[in-house]
Amino acid sequence: MVPLTRRAGGVQAYKLVIPAGGHRLAPEPKTHEGYEWLYVLNGRLRMILGEQDLVLAPGEAAEFDTRVPHWFGATSNDAVEFLSLFGRQGERAHLRARSTKEHPADEADDADD
């Protein structure tokens, strides 16, 4: 686990690497306060989330309340790398796209192209 942020409070970012062979470990789901968003960079991530047994591939993401029992592992002989955003206070990570209707000046710029 490599911390990517170094400030107290708020959402914290981490890069996690689970080495090859991690799929052989018996899942031991844990719970704690907070909310987590993760994104798979390389490999395939096995994720136990409550009653669900999921596999996430590169480019896939998950978002969940960490009070739900959860566990992570690799699914094969390859390592898995993923990014995690974690907020102890229950903050959620959201992606927002800017609407062109909200910024008419941008439309004028596009018309010139």
N, C-alpha and C. Protein backbone atom coordinates (compact mmCIF):
# COMPACT_ATOMS: atom_id res chain seq x y z
N MET A 1 0.85 -1.16 0.00
CA MET A 1 0.00 0.00 0.00
C MET A 1 0.91 1.24 0.00
N VAL A 2 0.75 2.07 -1.02
CA VAL A 2 1.55 3.28 -1.15
C VAL A 2 0.62 4.49 -1.02
N PRO A 3 0.78 5.31 0.02
CA PRO A 3 -0.06 6.50 0.14
C PRO A 3 0.29 7.51 -0.95
N LEU A 4 -0.74 8.07 -1.59
CA LEU A 4 -0.55 9.07 -2.63
C LEU A 4 -0.89 10.47 -2.13
N THR A 5 -1.50 10.57 -0.95
CA THR A 5 -1.80 11.86 -0.33
C THR A 5 -1.13 11.88 1.04
N ARG A 6 -0.78 13.06 1.47
CA ARG A 6 -0.08 13.19 2.77
C ARG A 6 -0.69 14.32 3.59
N ARG A 7 -2.01 14.35 3.68
CA ARG A 7 -2.65 15.38 4.49
C ARG A 7 -3.61 14.72 5.46
N ALA A 8 -3.81 15.35 6.57
CA ALA A 8 -4.71 14.81 7.59
C ALA A 8 -6.16 15.09 7.20
N GLY A 9 -7.02 14.13 7.46
CA GLY A 9 -8.44 14.31 7.21
C GLY A 9 -8.81 14.24 5.74
N GLY A 10 -10.10 14.22 5.48
CA GLY A 10 -10.59 14.18 4.11
C GLY A 10 -10.32 12.86 3.42
N VAL A 11 -10.48 12.89 2.12
CA VAL A 11 -10.29 11.68 1.31
C VAL A 11 -8.79 11.42 1.14
N GLN A 12 -8.40 10.17 1.33
CA GLN A 12 -7.01 9.75 1.17
C GLN A 12 -6.89 8.87 -0.06
N ALA A 13 -5.79 8.99 -0.79
CA ALA A 13 -5.57 8.19 -2.00
C ALA A 13 -4.41 7.22 -1.76
N TYR A 14 -4.56 6.01 -2.28
CA TYR A 14 -3.55 4.97 -2.15
C TYR A 14 -3.42 4.20 -3.46
N LYS A 15 -2.23 3.66 -3.70
CA LYS A 15 -2.04 2.66 -4.75
C LYS A 15 -1.75 1.36 -4.02
N LEU A 16 -2.49 0.32 -4.36
CA LEU A 16 -2.30 -0.98 -3.73
C LEU A 16 -1.85 -1.99 -4.78
N VAL A 17 -0.94 -2.86 -4.38
CA VAL A 17 -0.47 -3.95 -5.23
C VAL A 17 -0.62 -5.24 -4.43
N ILE A 18 -1.37 -6.17 -4.98
CA ILE A 18 -1.50 -7.49 -4.36
C ILE A 18 -0.65 -8.42 -5.22
N PRO A 19 0.39 -9.02 -4.63
CA PRO A 19 1.31 -9.84 -5.42
C PRO A 19 0.66 -11.08 -6.01
N ALA A 20 1.32 -11.63 -7.02
CA ALA A 20 0.87 -12.88 -7.63
C ALA A 20 0.72 -13.94 -6.55
N GLY A 21 -0.25 -14.79 -6.71
CA GLY A 21 -0.48 -15.85 -5.73
C GLY A 21 -1.44 -15.44 -4.64
N GLY A 22 -1.88 -14.19 -4.63
CA GLY A 22 -2.80 -13.72 -3.60
C GLY A 22 -4.16 -14.40 -3.66
N HIS A 23 -4.48 -15.03 -4.80
CA HIS A 23 -5.77 -15.71 -4.95
C HIS A 23 -5.84 -16.97 -4.09
N ARG A 24 -4.70 -17.42 -3.62
CA ARG A 24 -4.69 -18.66 -2.81
C ARG A 24 -5.07 -18.40 -1.35
N LEU A 25 -5.10 -17.14 -0.96
CA LEU A 25 -5.46 -16.81 0.42
C LEU A 25 -6.95 -17.00 0.65
N ALA A 26 -7.30 -17.49 1.83
CA ALA A 26 -8.71 -17.62 2.17
C ALA A 26 -9.25 -16.23 2.51
N PRO A 27 -10.33 -15.82 1.85
CA PRO A 27 -10.89 -14.49 2.12
C PRO A 27 -11.29 -14.33 3.59
N GLU A 28 -10.92 -13.21 4.17
CA GLU A 28 -11.31 -12.85 5.53
C GLU A 28 -11.85 -11.43 5.49
N PRO A 29 -13.13 -11.27 5.09
CA PRO A 29 -13.70 -9.93 4.98
C PRO A 29 -13.64 -9.17 6.29
N LYS A 30 -13.37 -7.85 6.17
CA LYS A 30 -13.28 -6.94 7.32
C LYS A 30 -14.26 -5.80 7.13
N THR A 31 -14.57 -5.10 8.19
CA THR A 31 -15.40 -3.91 8.15
C THR A 31 -14.71 -2.79 8.92
N HIS A 32 -15.03 -1.56 8.56
CA HIS A 32 -14.55 -0.37 9.28
C HIS A 32 -15.36 0.81 8.81
N GLU A 33 -15.28 1.90 9.51
CA GLU A 33 -16.00 3.11 9.13
C GLU A 33 -15.39 3.70 7.87
N GLY A 34 -16.21 4.25 7.01
CA GLY A 34 -15.72 4.96 5.85
C GLY A 34 -16.42 4.58 4.57
N TYR A 35 -15.88 5.11 3.49
CA TYR A 35 -16.41 4.88 2.15
C TYR A 35 -15.23 4.76 1.22
N GLU A 36 -15.26 3.82 0.27
CA GLU A 36 -14.12 3.59 -0.60
C GLU A 36 -14.54 3.55 -2.06
N TRP A 37 -13.67 4.10 -2.89
CA TRP A 37 -13.81 4.04 -4.34
C TRP A 37 -12.52 3.43 -4.84
N LEU A 38 -12.59 2.45 -5.73
CA LEU A 38 -11.35 1.88 -6.27
C LEU A 38 -11.44 1.71 -7.78
N TYR A 39 -10.25 1.70 -8.39
CA TYR A 39 -10.11 1.61 -9.85
C TYR A 39 -8.96 0.67 -10.15
N VAL A 40 -9.21 -0.37 -10.96
CA VAL A 40 -8.20 -1.38 -11.28
C VAL A 40 -7.32 -0.89 -12.43
N LEU A 41 -6.00 -0.89 -12.19
CA LEU A 41 -5.02 -0.48 -13.19
C LEU A 41 -4.53 -1.66 -14.02
N ASN A 42 -4.09 -2.72 -13.36
CA ASN A 42 -3.52 -3.91 -14.01
C ASN A 42 -3.94 -5.16 -13.25
N GLY A 43 -4.06 -6.26 -13.98
CA GLY A 43 -4.44 -7.52 -13.36
C GLY A 43 -5.95 -7.59 -13.16
N ARG A 44 -6.37 -8.62 -12.44
CA ARG A 44 -7.79 -8.80 -12.15
C ARG A 44 -7.96 -8.89 -10.64
N LEU A 45 -8.84 -8.07 -10.13
CA LEU A 45 -9.06 -7.96 -8.68
C LEU A 45 -10.28 -8.76 -8.27
N ARG A 46 -10.06 -9.72 -7.37
CA ARG A 46 -11.19 -10.42 -6.78
C ARG A 46 -11.62 -9.61 -5.56
N MET A 47 -12.91 -9.33 -5.50
CA MET A 47 -13.43 -8.50 -4.42
C MET A 47 -14.64 -9.19 -3.81
N ILE A 48 -14.54 -9.50 -2.53
CA ILE A 48 -15.69 -10.01 -1.79
C ILE A 48 -16.34 -8.78 -1.15
N LEU A 49 -17.61 -8.58 -1.42
CA LEU A 49 -18.34 -7.43 -0.89
C LEU A 49 -19.68 -7.93 -0.38
N GLY A 50 -19.77 -8.09 0.92
CA GLY A 50 -20.97 -8.68 1.50
C GLY A 50 -21.14 -10.10 0.98
N GLU A 51 -22.28 -10.38 0.38
CA GLU A 51 -22.57 -11.71 -0.17
C GLU A 51 -22.05 -11.88 -1.59
N GLN A 52 -21.53 -10.81 -2.19
CA GLN A 52 -21.09 -10.85 -3.59
C GLN A 52 -19.62 -11.23 -3.71
N ASP A 53 -19.30 -12.03 -4.72
CA ASP A 53 -17.94 -12.40 -5.06
C ASP A 53 -17.71 -11.86 -6.47
N LEU A 54 -16.97 -10.76 -6.61
CA LEU A 54 -16.82 -10.05 -7.87
C LEU A 54 -15.40 -10.14 -8.40
N VAL A 55 -15.24 -9.98 -9.72
CA VAL A 55 -13.93 -9.86 -10.33
C VAL A 55 -13.95 -8.61 -11.18
N LEU A 56 -13.01 -7.69 -10.89
CA LEU A 56 -12.89 -6.45 -11.64
C LEU A 56 -11.65 -6.50 -12.52
N ALA A 57 -11.80 -6.09 -13.78
CA ALA A 57 -10.72 -6.08 -14.76
C ALA A 57 -10.16 -4.66 -14.86
N PRO A 58 -9.01 -4.49 -15.53
CA PRO A 58 -8.46 -3.15 -15.71
C PRO A 58 -9.49 -2.20 -16.32
N GLY A 59 -9.56 -1.00 -15.75
CA GLY A 59 -10.51 0.00 -16.21
C GLY A 59 -11.84 -0.03 -15.49
N GLU A 60 -12.07 -1.04 -14.66
CA GLU A 60 -13.33 -1.12 -13.92
C GLU A 60 -13.15 -0.52 -12.54
N ALA A 61 -14.27 -0.03 -11.99
CA ALA A 61 -14.25 0.66 -10.70
C ALA A 61 -15.36 0.13 -9.81
N ALA A 62 -15.21 0.34 -8.51
CA ALA A 62 -16.24 -0.01 -7.53
C ALA A 62 -16.29 1.09 -6.48
N GLU A 63 -17.44 1.26 -5.90
CA GLU A 63 -17.65 2.25 -4.86
C GLU A 63 -18.53 1.61 -3.79
N PHE A 64 -18.14 1.68 -2.51
CA PHE A 64 -18.91 0.99 -1.48
C PHE A 64 -18.66 1.57 -0.09
N ASP A 65 -19.62 1.32 0.78
CA ASP A 65 -19.54 1.67 2.20
C ASP A 65 -18.69 0.59 2.87
N THR A 66 -17.63 0.98 3.56
CA THR A 66 -16.71 0.00 4.14
C THR A 66 -17.26 -0.69 5.40
N ARG A 67 -18.48 -0.32 5.80
CA ARG A 67 -19.14 -1.07 6.89
C ARG A 67 -19.68 -2.39 6.37
N VAL A 68 -19.73 -2.54 5.04
CA VAL A 68 -20.09 -3.83 4.42
C VAL A 68 -18.82 -4.68 4.44
N PRO A 69 -18.89 -5.93 4.91
CA PRO A 69 -17.69 -6.78 4.93
C PRO A 69 -17.07 -6.87 3.53
N HIS A 70 -15.75 -6.65 3.46
CA HIS A 70 -15.06 -6.66 2.17
C HIS A 70 -13.66 -7.24 2.30
N TRP A 71 -13.17 -7.74 1.15
CA TRP A 71 -11.84 -8.36 1.06
C TRP A 71 -11.38 -8.25 -0.37
N PHE A 72 -10.06 -8.08 -0.59
CA PHE A 72 -9.48 -7.99 -1.93
C PHE A 72 -8.41 -9.06 -2.11
N GLY A 73 -8.29 -9.57 -3.34
CA GLY A 73 -7.24 -10.52 -3.67
C GLY A 73 -7.01 -10.55 -5.17
N ALA A 74 -5.89 -11.13 -5.59
CA ALA A 74 -5.62 -11.33 -7.01
C ALA A 74 -6.38 -12.57 -7.46
N THR A 75 -6.69 -12.66 -8.76
CA THR A 75 -7.46 -13.81 -9.25
C THR A 75 -6.61 -14.85 -9.94
N SER A 76 -5.34 -14.55 -10.15
CA SER A 76 -4.51 -15.48 -10.91
C SER A 76 -3.07 -15.42 -10.40
N ASN A 77 -2.16 -15.91 -11.21
CA ASN A 77 -0.74 -15.86 -10.84
C ASN A 77 -0.12 -14.50 -11.11
N ASP A 78 -0.91 -13.54 -11.62
CA ASP A 78 -0.42 -12.19 -11.88
C ASP A 78 -0.79 -11.27 -10.73
N ALA A 79 0.05 -10.28 -10.48
CA ALA A 79 -0.25 -9.27 -9.46
C ALA A 79 -1.41 -8.40 -9.95
N VAL A 80 -2.08 -7.78 -9.03
CA VAL A 80 -3.13 -6.82 -9.36
C VAL A 80 -2.76 -5.48 -8.74
N GLU A 81 -2.92 -4.40 -9.52
CA GLU A 81 -2.65 -3.04 -9.05
C GLU A 81 -3.94 -2.24 -9.14
N PHE A 82 -4.25 -1.49 -8.07
CA PHE A 82 -5.45 -0.65 -8.13
C PHE A 82 -5.26 0.59 -7.28
N LEU A 83 -6.05 1.61 -7.62
CA LEU A 83 -6.07 2.85 -6.86
C LEU A 83 -7.26 2.83 -5.93
N SER A 84 -7.09 3.42 -4.76
CA SER A 84 -8.17 3.49 -3.78
C SER A 84 -8.28 4.91 -3.26
N LEU A 85 -9.50 5.43 -3.23
CA LEU A 85 -9.81 6.69 -2.55
C LEU A 85 -10.66 6.30 -1.36
N PHE A 86 -10.22 6.72 -0.18
CA PHE A 86 -10.90 6.31 1.04
C PHE A 86 -11.20 7.53 1.90
N GLY A 87 -12.44 7.63 2.35
CA GLY A 87 -12.84 8.70 3.25
C GLY A 87 -13.42 8.14 4.52
N ARG A 88 -12.84 8.49 5.63
CA ARG A 88 -13.34 7.99 6.92
C ARG A 88 -14.71 8.55 7.27
N GLN A 89 -15.01 9.74 6.83
CA GLN A 89 -16.26 10.38 7.19
C GLN A 89 -17.41 9.99 6.26
N GLY A 90 -17.16 9.11 5.32
CA GLY A 90 -18.21 8.65 4.42
C GLY A 90 -18.33 9.48 3.17
N GLU A 91 -17.29 10.26 2.83
CA GLU A 91 -17.34 11.03 1.59
C GLU A 91 -17.40 10.08 0.42
N ARG A 92 -18.10 10.46 -0.60
CA ARG A 92 -18.16 9.66 -1.82
C ARG A 92 -17.41 10.36 -2.92
N ALA A 93 -16.79 9.59 -3.78
CA ALA A 93 -16.09 10.14 -4.94
C ALA A 93 -17.06 10.13 -6.12
N HIS A 94 -17.21 11.26 -6.76
CA HIS A 94 -18.11 11.37 -7.91
C HIS A 94 -17.38 12.02 -9.07
N LEU A 95 -17.67 11.53 -10.26
CA LEU A 95 -17.16 12.15 -11.47
C LEU A 95 -18.26 13.02 -12.02
N ARG A 96 -17.91 14.23 -12.41
CA ARG A 96 -18.92 15.14 -12.95
C ARG A 96 -18.46 15.65 -14.30
N ALA A 97 -19.36 15.61 -15.24
CA ALA A 97 -19.06 16.15 -16.57
C ALA A 97 -19.69 17.53 -16.66
N ARG A 98 -18.99 18.45 -17.26
CA ARG A 98 -19.50 19.81 -17.41
C ARG A 98 -20.44 19.84 -18.60
N SER A 99 -21.61 20.37 -18.40
CA SER A 99 -22.58 20.50 -19.47
C SER A 99 -22.29 21.75 -20.29
N THR A 100 -22.40 21.66 -21.62
CA THR A 100 -22.17 22.84 -22.46
C THR A 100 -23.28 23.86 -22.27
N LYS A 101 -24.45 23.45 -21.82
CA LYS A 101 -25.55 24.38 -21.56
C LYS A 101 -25.21 25.32 -20.41
N GLU A 102 -24.38 24.86 -19.49
CA GLU A 102 -24.00 25.68 -18.35
C GLU A 102 -22.94 26.71 -18.71
N HIS A 103 -22.24 26.52 -19.82
CA HIS A 103 -21.13 27.40 -20.21
C HIS A 103 -21.29 27.81 -21.67
N PRO A 104 -22.18 28.79 -21.96
CA PRO A 104 -22.41 29.18 -23.34
C PRO A 104 -21.15 29.69 -24.04
N ALA A 105 -20.20 30.24 -23.31
CA ALA A 105 -18.97 30.74 -23.93
C ALA A 105 -18.20 29.59 -24.60
N ASP A 106 -18.27 28.42 -24.01
CA ASP A 106 -17.59 27.25 -24.58
C ASP A 106 -18.21 26.88 -25.93
N GLU A 107 -19.56 27.04 -26.06
CA GLU A 107 -20.23 26.73 -27.31
C GLU A 107 -19.73 27.65 -28.41
N ALA A 108 -19.54 28.93 -28.08
CA ALA A 108 -19.06 29.90 -29.06
C ALA A 108 -17.66 29.53 -29.51
N ASP A 109 -16.84 29.08 -28.59
CA ASP A 109 -15.48 28.66 -28.94
C ASP A 109 -15.52 27.46 -29.88
N ASP A 110 -16.45 26.51 -29.62
CA ASP A 110 -16.57 25.32 -30.45
C ASP A 110 -17.05 25.67 -31.85
N ALA A 111 -17.89 26.70 -31.98
CA ALA A 111 -18.43 27.10 -33.28
C ALA A 111 -17.34 27.63 -34.18
N ASP A 112 -16.27 28.20 -33.61
CA ASP A 112 -15.18 28.75 -34.39
C ASP A 112 -14.29 27.68 -35.00
N ASP A 113 -14.35 26.45 -34.48
CA ASP A 113 -13.47 25.37 -34.95
C ASP A 113 -13.88 24.84 -36.29
